Amino acid sequence: MSESSSPTLLPLCQLPAGALGLVTQLEGEGTFRQRLRELGLGESAEVKKISGHSTIICQVNGCRIALSHDAARQILVRPQQSQLVTG
Protein backbone atom coordinates (compact mmCIF):
# COMPACT_ATOMS: atom_id res chain seq x y z
CA MET A 1 0.00 0.00 0.00
CA SER A 2 1.57 3.25 -1.11
CA GLU A 3 1.13 6.59 0.61
CA SER A 4 0.24 8.30 -2.67
CA SER A 5 -2.86 6.11 -3.10
CA SER A 6 -4.36 7.32 0.20
CA PRO A 7 -4.40 11.04 1.03
CA THR A 8 -2.64 11.85 4.26
CA LEU A 9 -4.60 12.72 7.37
CA LEU A 10 -3.49 15.84 9.21
CA PRO A 11 -4.44 17.31 12.55
CA LEU A 12 -6.58 20.41 11.94
CA CYS A 13 -3.85 22.54 13.56
CA GLN A 14 -1.45 21.54 10.72
CA LEU A 15 -3.84 22.36 7.87
CA PRO A 16 -2.65 25.51 6.10
CA ALA A 17 -4.68 28.69 6.59
CA GLY A 18 -7.35 28.98 3.90
CA ALA A 19 -7.38 25.23 3.21
CA LEU A 20 -10.37 22.92 3.36
CA GLY A 21 -10.38 19.59 5.13
CA LEU A 22 -12.83 16.74 5.58
CA VAL A 23 -13.05 15.62 9.21
CA THR A 24 -12.20 11.94 9.17
CA GLN A 25 -11.42 11.02 12.77
CA LEU A 26 -11.82 12.53 16.24
CA GLU A 27 -9.43 11.66 19.04
CA GLY A 28 -9.66 12.30 22.77
CA GLU A 29 -12.19 11.44 25.46
CA GLY A 30 -15.77 10.55 24.63
CA THR A 31 -17.26 13.76 26.08
CA PHE A 32 -14.77 15.85 24.09
CA ARG A 33 -15.60 14.03 20.85
CA GLN A 34 -19.32 14.42 21.53
CA ARG A 35 -18.90 18.17 22.11
CA LEU A 36 -17.06 18.52 18.79
CA ARG A 37 -19.93 16.72 17.05
CA GLU A 38 -22.42 19.09 18.70
CA LEU A 39 -20.41 22.03 17.32
CA GLY A 40 -20.67 20.56 13.82
CA LEU A 41 -17.14 19.16 13.73
CA GLY A 42 -18.16 15.51 13.50
CA GLU A 43 -16.86 12.93 11.08
CA SER A 44 -17.58 13.87 7.43
CA ALA A 45 -17.89 17.60 8.19
CA GLU A 46 -16.11 19.96 5.82
CA VAL A 47 -14.03 22.51 7.70
CA LYS A 48 -12.02 25.49 6.49
CA LYS A 49 -9.09 26.68 8.58
CA ILE A 50 -9.19 30.46 8.65
CA SER A 51 -6.05 31.17 10.71
CA GLY A 52 -4.20 30.42 13.87
CA HIS A 53 -1.35 28.74 15.67
CA SER A 54 -2.06 28.76 19.41
CA THR A 55 -5.76 29.42 18.81
CA ILE A 56 -7.22 27.97 15.63
CA ILE A 57 -10.06 29.78 13.87
CA CYS A 58 -12.05 27.54 11.56
CA GLN A 59 -15.32 27.68 9.71
CA VAL A 60 -17.85 24.85 9.63
CA ASN A 61 -21.46 25.03 8.44
CA GLY A 62 -21.16 28.79 7.95
CA CYS A 63 -20.05 29.43 11.56
CA ARG A 64 -16.61 30.41 12.79
CA ILE A 65 -15.29 28.48 15.75
CA ALA A 66 -12.18 29.14 17.85
CA LEU A 67 -10.33 26.06 19.13
CA SER A 68 -7.27 25.65 21.28
CA HIS A 69 -4.24 24.16 19.56
CA ASP A 70 -4.65 21.03 21.68
CA ALA A 71 -8.30 20.61 20.62
CA ALA A 72 -7.44 21.17 16.94
CA ARG A 73 -4.67 18.57 17.22
CA GLN A 74 -7.29 15.93 18.03
CA ILE A 75 -9.36 16.59 14.90
CA LEU A 76 -7.91 14.64 11.97
CA VAL A 77 -8.79 15.92 8.51
CA ARG A 78 -8.15 14.86 4.94
CA PRO A 79 -7.09 17.95 2.94
CA GLN A 80 -9.54 18.80 0.15
CA GLN A 81 -9.14 20.80 -3.01
CA SER A 82 -10.94 24.10 -2.62
CA GLN A 83 -13.87 24.69 -4.90
CA LEU A 84 -14.64 28.11 -6.32
CA VAL A 85 -18.04 29.28 -5.23
CA THR A 86 -19.53 32.07 -7.27
CA GLY A 87 -22.58 33.82 -6.15
PDB file of N, CA and C in Angstrom:
ATOM      1  N   MET A   1       0.847  -1.181   0.000  1.00  0.00           N
ATOM      2  CA  MET A   1       0.000   0.000   0.000  1.00  0.00           C
ATOM      3  C   MET A   1       0.887   1.237   0.000  1.00  0.00           C
ATOM      4  N   SER A   2       0.729   2.063  -1.018  1.00  0.00           N
ATOM      5  CA  SER A   2       1.575   3.249  -1.110  1.00  0.00           C
ATOM      6  C   SER A   2       0.877   4.453  -0.510  1.00  0.00           C
ATOM      7  N   GLU A   3       1.680   5.397   0.002  1.00  0.00           N
ATOM      8  CA  GLU A   3       1.128   6.593   0.613  1.00  0.00           C
ATOM      9  C   GLU A   3       0.403   7.453  -0.402  1.00  0.00           C
ATOM     10  N   SER A   4       0.853   7.443  -1.658  1.00  0.00           N
ATOM     11  CA  SER A   4       0.243   8.297  -2.667  1.00  0.00           C
ATOM     12  C   SER A   4      -1.169   7.847  -3.022  1.00  0.00           C
ATOM     13  N   SER A   5      -1.522   6.585  -2.773  1.00  0.00           N
ATOM     14  CA  SER A   5      -2.863   6.115  -3.099  1.00  0.00           C
ATOM     15  C   SER A   5      -3.886   6.523  -2.046  1.00  0.00           C
ATOM     16  N   SER A   6      -3.455   6.906  -0.866  1.00  0.00           N
ATOM     17  CA  SER A   6      -4.355   7.318   0.202  1.00  0.00           C
ATOM     18  C   SER A   6      -3.927   8.678   0.723  1.00  0.00           C
ATOM     19  N   PRO A   7      -4.785   9.712   0.554  1.00  0.00           N
ATOM     20  CA  PRO A   7      -4.402  11.040   1.025  1.00  0.00           C
ATOM     21  C   PRO A   7      -4.086  11.029   2.520  1.00  0.00           C
ATOM     22  N   THR A   8      -3.105  11.791   2.883  1.00  0.00           N
ATOM     23  CA  THR A   8      -2.636  11.846   4.259  1.00  0.00           C
ATOM     24  C   THR A   8      -3.631  12.564   5.160  1.00  0.00           C
ATOM     25  N   LEU A   9      -3.800  12.040   6.360  1.00  0.00           N
ATOM     26  CA  LEU A   9      -4.599  12.718   7.369  1.00  0.00           C
ATOM     27  C   LEU A   9      -3.696  13.663   8.138  1.00  0.00           C
ATOM     28  N   LEU A  10      -4.216  14.839   8.437  1.00  0.00           N
ATOM     29  CA  LEU A  10      -3.485  15.840   9.210  1.00  0.00           C
ATOM     30  C   LEU A  10      -4.331  16.287  10.385  1.00  0.00           C
ATOM     31  N   PRO A  11      -3.687  16.636  11.502  1.00  0.00           N
ATOM     32  CA  PRO A  11      -4.445  17.312  12.548  1.00  0.00           C
ATOM     33  C   PRO A  11      -4.889  18.678  12.008  1.00  0.00           C
ATOM     34  N   LEU A  12      -6.058  19.132  12.408  1.00  0.00           N
ATOM     35  CA  LEU A  12      -6.575  20.411  11.940  1.00  0.00           C
ATOM     36  C   LEU A  12      -5.584  21.546  12.181  1.00  0.00           C
ATOM     37  N   CYS A  13      -4.813  21.479  13.256  1.00  0.00           N
ATOM     38  CA  CYS A  13      -3.847  22.538  13.557  1.00  0.00           C
ATOM     39  C   CYS A  13      -2.739  22.620  12.508  1.00  0.00           C
ATOM     40  N   GLN A  14      -2.504  21.545  11.739  1.00  0.00           N
ATOM     41  CA  GLN A  14      -1.455  21.540  10.719  1.00  0.00           C
ATOM     42  C   GLN A  14      -1.969  21.867   9.322  1.00  0.00           C
ATOM     43  N   LEU A  15      -3.267  21.980   9.165  1.00  0.00           N
ATOM     44  CA  LEU A  15      -3.844  22.358   7.874  1.00  0.00           C
ATOM     45  C   LEU A  15      -3.462  23.811   7.596  1.00  0.00           C
ATOM     46  N   PRO A  16      -3.026  24.126   6.399  1.00  0.00           N
ATOM     47  CA  PRO A  16      -2.650  25.512   6.099  1.00  0.00           C
ATOM     48  C   PRO A  16      -3.859  26.448   6.174  1.00  0.00           C
ATOM     49  N   ALA A  17      -3.618  27.690   6.551  1.00  0.00           N
ATOM     50  CA  ALA A  17      -4.684  28.693   6.594  1.00  0.00           C
ATOM     51  C   ALA A  17      -5.310  28.824   5.211  1.00  0.00           C
ATOM     52  N   GLY A  18      -6.632  28.861   5.156  1.00  0.00           N
ATOM     53  CA  GLY A  18      -7.353  28.980   3.902  1.00  0.00           C
ATOM     54  C   GLY A  18      -7.692  27.645   3.258  1.00  0.00           C
ATOM     55  N   ALA A  19      -7.159  26.549   3.799  1.00  0.00           N
ATOM     56  CA  ALA A  19      -7.378  25.230   3.213  1.00  0.00           C
ATOM     57  C   ALA A  19      -8.640  24.583   3.774  1.00  0.00           C
ATOM     58  N   LEU A  20      -9.211  23.699   2.959  1.00  0.00           N
ATOM     59  CA  LEU A  20     -10.374  22.918   3.355  1.00  0.00           C
ATOM     60  C   LEU A  20      -9.935  21.523   3.762  1.00  0.00           C
ATOM     61  N   GLY A  21     -10.642  20.958   4.724  1.00  0.00           N
ATOM     62  CA  GLY A  21     -10.377  19.586   5.131  1.00  0.00           C
ATOM     63  C   GLY A  21     -11.676  18.873   5.442  1.00  0.00           C
ATOM     64  N   LEU A  22     -11.691  17.579   5.247  1.00  0.00           N
ATOM     65  CA  LEU A  22     -12.826  16.740   5.582  1.00  0.00           C
ATOM     66  C   LEU A  22     -12.498  16.025   6.885  1.00  0.00           C
ATOM     67  N   VAL A  23     -13.298  16.267   7.916  1.00  0.00           N
ATOM     68  CA  VAL A  23     -13.048  15.618   9.207  1.00  0.00           C
ATOM     69  C   VAL A  23     -13.232  14.120   9.023  1.00  0.00           C
ATOM     70  N   THR A  24     -12.205  13.377   9.374  1.00  0.00           N
ATOM     71  CA  THR A  24     -12.205  11.936   9.171  1.00  0.00           C
ATOM     72  C   THR A  24     -12.213  11.176  10.488  1.00  0.00           C
ATOM     73  N   GLN A  25     -11.549  11.738  11.504  1.00  0.00           N
ATOM     74  CA  GLN A  25     -11.423  11.024  12.773  1.00  0.00           C
ATOM     75  C   GLN A  25     -11.302  12.027  13.905  1.00  0.00           C
ATOM     76  N   LEU A  26     -11.939  11.716  15.034  1.00  0.00           N
ATOM     77  CA  LEU A  26     -11.819  12.527  16.244  1.00  0.00           C
ATOM     78  C   LEU A  26     -11.107  11.706  17.305  1.00  0.00           C
ATOM     79  N   GLU A  27     -10.157  12.331  17.969  1.00  0.00           N
ATOM     80  CA  GLU A  27      -9.433  11.662  19.044  1.00  0.00           C
ATOM     81  C   GLU A  27      -9.801  12.326  20.365  1.00  0.00           C
ATOM     82  N   GLY A  28      -9.386  11.737  21.451  1.00  0.00           N
ATOM     83  CA  GLY A  28      -9.664  12.299  22.767  1.00  0.00           C
ATOM     84  C   GLY A  28     -10.765  11.538  23.486  1.00  0.00           C
ATOM     85  N   GLU A  29     -11.168  12.083  24.638  1.00  0.00           N
ATOM     86  CA  GLU A  29     -12.188  11.442  25.460  1.00  0.00           C
ATOM     87  C   GLU A  29     -13.562  11.521  24.806  1.00  0.00           C
ATOM     88  N   GLY A  30     -14.436  10.622  25.198  1.00  0.00           N
ATOM     89  CA  GLY A  30     -15.774  10.546  24.628  1.00  0.00           C
ATOM     90  C   GLY A  30     -16.563  11.838  24.744  1.00  0.00           C
ATOM     91  N   THR A  31     -16.503  12.506  25.904  1.00  0.00           N
ATOM     92  CA  THR A  31     -17.257  13.756  26.076  1.00  0.00           C
ATOM     93  C   THR A  31     -16.701  14.860  25.179  1.00  0.00           C
ATOM     94  N   PHE A  32     -15.395  14.873  24.984  1.00  0.00           N
ATOM     95  CA  PHE A  32     -14.769  15.852  24.094  1.00  0.00           C
ATOM     96  C   PHE A  32     -15.217  15.613  22.654  1.00  0.00           C
ATOM     97  N   ARG A  33     -15.179  14.364  22.220  1.00  0.00           N
ATOM     98  CA  ARG A  33     -15.605  14.034  20.854  1.00  0.00           C
ATOM     99  C   ARG A  33     -17.076  14.380  20.640  1.00  0.00           C
ATOM    100  N   GLN A  34     -17.899  14.101  21.642  1.00  0.00           N
ATOM    101  CA  GLN A  34     -19.323  14.420  21.531  1.00  0.00           C
ATOM    102  C   GLN A  34     -19.534  15.929  21.418  1.00  0.00           C
ATOM    103  N   ARG A  35     -18.780  16.707  22.176  1.00  0.00           N
ATOM    104  CA  ARG A  35     -18.902  18.171  22.108  1.00  0.00           C
ATOM    105  C   ARG A  35     -18.506  18.682  20.726  1.00  0.00           C
ATOM    106  N   LEU A  36     -17.456  18.127  20.147  1.00  0.00           N
ATOM    107  CA  LEU A  36     -17.061  18.523  18.790  1.00  0.00           C
ATOM    108  C   LEU A  36     -18.180  18.223  17.794  1.00  0.00           C
ATOM    109  N   ARG A  37     -18.815  17.066  17.941  1.00  0.00           N
ATOM    110  CA  ARG A  37     -19.927  16.721  17.045  1.00  0.00           C
ATOM    111  C   ARG A  37     -21.077  17.713  17.206  1.00  0.00           C
ATOM    112  N   GLU A  38     -21.355  18.115  18.445  1.00  0.00           N
ATOM    113  CA  GLU A  38     -22.417  19.094  18.701  1.00  0.00           C
ATOM    114  C   GLU A  38     -22.106  20.448  18.065  1.00  0.00           C
ATOM    115  N   LEU A  39     -20.828  20.777  17.955  1.00  0.00           N
ATOM    116  CA  LEU A  39     -20.411  22.029  17.319  1.00  0.00           C
ATOM    117  C   LEU A  39     -20.409  21.932  15.791  1.00  0.00           C
ATOM    118  N   GLY A  40     -20.668  20.754  15.259  1.00  0.00           N
ATOM    119  CA  GLY A  40     -20.672  20.562  13.818  1.00  0.00           C
ATOM    120  C   GLY A  40     -19.378  20.005  13.272  1.00  0.00           C
ATOM    121  N   LEU A  41     -18.446  19.662  14.155  1.00  0.00           N
ATOM    122  CA  LEU A  41     -17.141  19.162  13.731  1.00  0.00           C
ATOM    123  C   LEU A  41     -17.042  17.640  13.801  1.00  0.00           C
ATOM    124  N   GLY A  42     -18.152  16.971  13.498  1.00  0.00           N
ATOM    125  CA  GLY A  42     -18.157  15.514  13.504  1.00  0.00           C
ATOM    126  C   GLY A  42     -17.525  14.948  12.242  1.00  0.00           C
ATOM    127  N   GLU A  43     -17.403  13.629  12.227  1.00  0.00           N
ATOM    128  CA  GLU A  43     -16.863  12.934  11.076  1.00  0.00           C
ATOM    129  C   GLU A  43     -17.679  13.294   9.830  1.00  0.00           C
ATOM    130  N   SER A  44     -17.011  13.495   8.729  1.00  0.00           N
ATOM    131  CA  SER A  44     -17.579  13.866   7.425  1.00  0.00           C
ATOM    132  C   SER A  44     -17.927  15.342   7.293  1.00  0.00           C
ATOM    133  N   ALA A  45     -17.651  16.159   8.310  1.00  0.00           N
ATOM    134  CA  ALA A  45     -17.886  17.603   8.194  1.00  0.00           C
ATOM    135  C   ALA A  45     -16.763  18.239   7.381  1.00  0.00           C
ATOM    136  N   GLU A  46     -17.123  19.203   6.553  1.00  0.00           N
ATOM    137  CA  GLU A  46     -16.112  19.959   5.817  1.00  0.00           C
ATOM    138  C   GLU A  46     -15.770  21.196   6.639  1.00  0.00           C
ATOM    139  N   VAL A  47     -14.492  21.405   6.871  1.00  0.00           N
ATOM    140  CA  VAL A  47     -14.033  22.513   7.701  1.00  0.00           C
ATOM    141  C   VAL A  47     -12.991  23.318   6.930  1.00  0.00           C
ATOM    142  N   LYS A  48     -13.028  24.622   7.105  1.00  0.00           N
ATOM    143  CA  LYS A  48     -12.024  25.490   6.493  1.00  0.00           C
ATOM    144  C   LYS A  48     -11.240  26.144   7.625  1.00  0.00           C
ATOM    145  N   LYS A  49      -9.920  26.015   7.581  1.00  0.00           N
ATOM    146  CA  LYS A  49      -9.086  26.681   8.576  1.00  0.00           C
ATOM    147  C   LYS A  49      -8.896  28.123   8.127  1.00  0.00           C
ATOM    148  N   ILE A  50      -9.301  29.047   8.968  1.00  0.00           N
ATOM    149  CA  ILE A  50      -9.188  30.464   8.651  1.00  0.00           C
ATOM    150  C   ILE A  50      -7.792  30.972   9.022  1.00  0.00           C
ATOM    151  N   SER A  51      -7.369  30.720  10.258  1.00  0.00           N
ATOM    152  CA  SER A  51      -6.055  31.168  10.711  1.00  0.00           C
ATOM    153  C   SER A  51      -5.729  30.520  12.046  1.00  0.00           C
ATOM    154  N   GLY A  52      -4.529  30.787  12.510  1.00  0.00           N
ATOM    155  CA  GLY A  52      -4.197  30.424  13.867  1.00  0.00           C
ATOM    156  C   GLY A  52      -3.022  29.492  14.041  1.00  0.00           C
ATOM    157  N   HIS A  53      -2.412  29.631  15.205  1.00  0.00           N
ATOM    158  CA  HIS A  53      -1.346  28.741  15.669  1.00  0.00           C
ATOM    159  C   HIS A  53      -1.682  28.259  17.076  1.00  0.00           C
ATOM    160  N   SER A  54      -1.712  29.169  18.050  1.00  0.00           N
ATOM    161  CA  SER A  54      -2.057  28.757  19.411  1.00  0.00           C
ATOM    162  C   SER A  54      -3.567  28.653  19.569  1.00  0.00           C
ATOM    163  N   THR A  55      -4.310  29.523  18.902  1.00  0.00           N
ATOM    164  CA  THR A  55      -5.762  29.424  18.808  1.00  0.00           C
ATOM    165  C   THR A  55      -6.104  29.277  17.333  1.00  0.00           C
ATOM    166  N   ILE A  56      -6.880  28.277  17.021  1.00  0.00           N
ATOM    167  CA  ILE A  56      -7.222  27.972  15.634  1.00  0.00           C
ATOM    168  C   ILE A  56      -8.630  28.497  15.361  1.00  0.00           C
ATOM    169  N   ILE A  57      -8.754  29.305  14.318  1.00  0.00           N
ATOM    170  CA  ILE A  57     -10.063  29.775  13.874  1.00  0.00           C
ATOM    171  C   ILE A  57     -10.430  28.954  12.650  1.00  0.00           C
ATOM    172  N   CYS A  58     -11.602  28.322  12.705  1.00  0.00           N
ATOM    173  CA  CYS A  58     -12.051  27.536  11.563  1.00  0.00           C
ATOM    174  C   CYS A  58     -13.508  27.849  11.278  1.00  0.00           C
ATOM    175  N   GLN A  59     -13.942  27.454  10.113  1.00  0.00           N
ATOM    176  CA  GLN A  59     -15.322  27.675   9.714  1.00  0.00           C
ATOM    177  C   GLN A  59     -15.944  26.346   9.352  1.00  0.00           C
ATOM    178  N   VAL A  60     -17.111  26.082   9.926  1.00  0.00           N
ATOM    179  CA  VAL A  60     -17.847  24.852   9.630  1.00  0.00           C
ATOM    180  C   VAL A  60     -19.335  25.206   9.615  1.00  0.00           C
ATOM    181  N   ASN A  61     -20.028  24.746   8.598  1.00  0.00           N
ATOM    182  CA  ASN A  61     -21.458  25.028   8.445  1.00  0.00           C
ATOM    183  C   ASN A  61     -21.781  26.511   8.535  1.00  0.00           C
ATOM    184  N   GLY A  62     -20.916  27.351   7.976  1.00  0.00           N
ATOM    185  CA  GLY A  62     -21.159  28.788   7.950  1.00  0.00           C
ATOM    186  C   GLY A  62     -20.846  29.517   9.248  1.00  0.00           C
ATOM    187  N   CYS A  63     -20.369  28.817  10.269  1.00  0.00           N
ATOM    188  CA  CYS A  63     -20.046  29.433  11.561  1.00  0.00           C
ATOM    189  C   CYS A  63     -18.548  29.354  11.818  1.00  0.00           C
ATOM    190  N   ARG A  64     -18.024  30.434  12.389  1.00  0.00           N
ATOM    191  CA  ARG A  64     -16.615  30.414  12.787  1.00  0.00           C
ATOM    192  C   ARG A  64     -16.497  29.936  14.220  1.00  0.00           C
ATOM    193  N   ILE A  65     -15.513  29.080  14.435  1.00  0.00           N
ATOM    194  CA  ILE A  65     -15.287  28.484  15.751  1.00  0.00           C
ATOM    195  C   ILE A  65     -13.818  28.652  16.104  1.00  0.00           C
ATOM    196  N   ALA A  66     -13.551  29.048  17.345  1.00  0.00           N
ATOM    197  CA  ALA A  66     -12.178  29.141  17.846  1.00  0.00           C
ATOM    198  C   ALA A  66     -11.891  27.895  18.687  1.00  0.00           C
ATOM    199  N   LEU A  67     -10.754  27.270  18.407  1.00  0.00           N
ATOM    200  CA  LEU A  67     -10.334  26.065  19.130  1.00  0.00           C
ATOM    201  C   LEU A  67      -8.931  26.256  19.660  1.00  0.00           C
ATOM    202  N   SER A  68      -8.656  25.653  20.795  1.00  0.00           N
ATOM    203  CA  SER A  68      -7.275  25.646  21.282  1.00  0.00           C
ATOM    204  C   SER A  68      -6.445  24.767  20.357  1.00  0.00           C
ATOM    205  N   HIS A  69      -5.149  24.983  20.372  1.00  0.00           N
ATOM    206  CA  HIS A  69      -4.242  24.165  19.557  1.00  0.00           C
ATOM    207  C   HIS A  69      -4.400  22.698  19.931  1.00  0.00           C
ATOM    208  N   ASP A  70      -4.515  22.411  21.225  1.00  0.00           N
ATOM    209  CA  ASP A  70      -4.646  21.029  21.678  1.00  0.00           C
ATOM    210  C   ASP A  70      -5.925  20.390  21.153  1.00  0.00           C
ATOM    211  N   ALA A  71      -7.032  21.138  21.148  1.00  0.00           N
ATOM    212  CA  ALA A  71      -8.296  20.607  20.616  1.00  0.00           C
ATOM    213  C   ALA A  71      -8.167  20.355  19.119  1.00  0.00           C
ATOM    214  N   ALA A  72      -7.593  21.307  18.385  1.00  0.00           N
ATOM    215  CA  ALA A  72      -7.442  21.171  16.935  1.00  0.00           C
ATOM    216  C   ALA A  72      -6.512  20.012  16.577  1.00  0.00           C
ATOM    217  N   ARG A  73      -5.588  19.692  17.460  1.00  0.00           N
ATOM    218  CA  ARG A  73      -4.667  18.574  17.222  1.00  0.00           C
ATOM    219  C   ARG A  73      -5.393  17.237  17.237  1.00  0.00           C
ATOM    220  N   GLN A  74      -6.552  17.178  17.895  1.00  0.00           N
ATOM    221  CA  GLN A  74      -7.291  15.928  18.034  1.00  0.00           C
ATOM    222  C   GLN A  74      -8.361  15.740  16.956  1.00  0.00           C
ATOM    223  N   ILE A  75      -8.422  16.680  16.012  1.00  0.00           N
ATOM    224  CA  ILE A  75      -9.358  16.591  14.897  1.00  0.00           C
ATOM    225  C   ILE A  75      -8.540  16.267  13.648  1.00  0.00           C
ATOM    226  N   LEU A  76      -8.674  15.055  13.137  1.00  0.00           N
ATOM    227  CA  LEU A  76      -7.906  14.637  11.971  1.00  0.00           C
ATOM    228  C   LEU A  76      -8.720  14.880  10.709  1.00  0.00           C
ATOM    229  N   VAL A  77      -8.102  15.564   9.755  1.00  0.00           N
ATOM    230  CA  VAL A  77      -8.785  15.924   8.514  1.00  0.00           C
ATOM    231  C   VAL A  77      -8.014  15.402   7.309  1.00  0.00           C
ATOM    232  N   ARG A  78      -8.743  15.195   6.236  1.00  0.00           N
ATOM    233  CA  ARG A  78      -8.153  14.855   4.945  1.00  0.00           C
ATOM    234  C   ARG A  78      -8.225  16.131   4.115  1.00  0.00           C
ATOM    235  N   PRO A  79      -7.082  16.708   3.740  1.00  0.00           N
ATOM    236  CA  PRO A  79      -7.095  17.952   2.944  1.00  0.00           C
ATOM    237  C   PRO A  79      -7.908  17.769   1.668  1.00  0.00           C
ATOM    238  N   GLN A  80      -8.680  18.808   1.324  1.00  0.00           N
ATOM    239  CA  GLN A  80      -9.543  18.796   0.149  1.00  0.00           C
ATOM    240  C   GLN A  80      -9.118  19.906  -0.791  1.00  0.00           C
ATOM    241  N   GLN A  81      -9.381  19.716  -2.048  1.00  0.00           N
ATOM    242  CA  GLN A  81      -9.141  20.796  -3.006  1.00  0.00           C
ATOM    243  C   GLN A  81     -10.257  21.804  -2.835  1.00  0.00           C
ATOM    244  N   SER A  82      -9.901  23.082  -2.774  1.00  0.00           N
ATOM    245  CA  SER A  82     -10.935  24.098  -2.619  1.00  0.00           C
ATOM    246  C   SER A  82     -11.719  24.221  -3.904  1.00  0.00           C
ATOM    247  N   GLN A  83     -12.978  24.530  -3.753  1.00  0.00           N
ATOM    248  CA  GLN A  83     -13.867  24.695  -4.898  1.00  0.00           C
ATOM    249  C   GLN A  83     -14.280  26.158  -4.957  1.00  0.00           C
ATOM    250  N   LEU A  84     -14.218  26.729  -6.141  1.00  0.00           N
ATOM    251  CA  LEU A  84     -14.636  28.108  -6.318  1.00  0.00           C
ATOM    252  C   LEU A  84     -16.144  28.192  -6.226  1.00  0.00           C
ATOM    253  N   VAL A  85     -16.612  29.077  -5.363  1.00  0.00           N
ATOM    254  CA  VAL A  85     -18.039  29.281  -5.227  1.00  0.00           C
ATOM    255  C   VAL A  85     -18.328  30.673  -5.729  1.00  0.00           C
ATOM    256  N   THR A  86     -19.155  30.762  -6.751  1.00  0.00           N
ATOM    257  CA  THR A  86     -19.532  32.072  -7.275  1.00  0.00           C
ATOM    258  C   THR A  86     -20.960  32.347  -6.892  1.00  0.00           C
ATOM    259  N   GLY A  87     -21.241  33.572  -6.593  1.00  0.00           N
ATOM    260  CA  GLY A  87     -22.584  33.815  -6.147  1.00  0.00           C
ATOM    261  C   GLY A  87     -23.104  35.068  -6.665  1.00  0.00           C
TER     262      GLY A  87
END
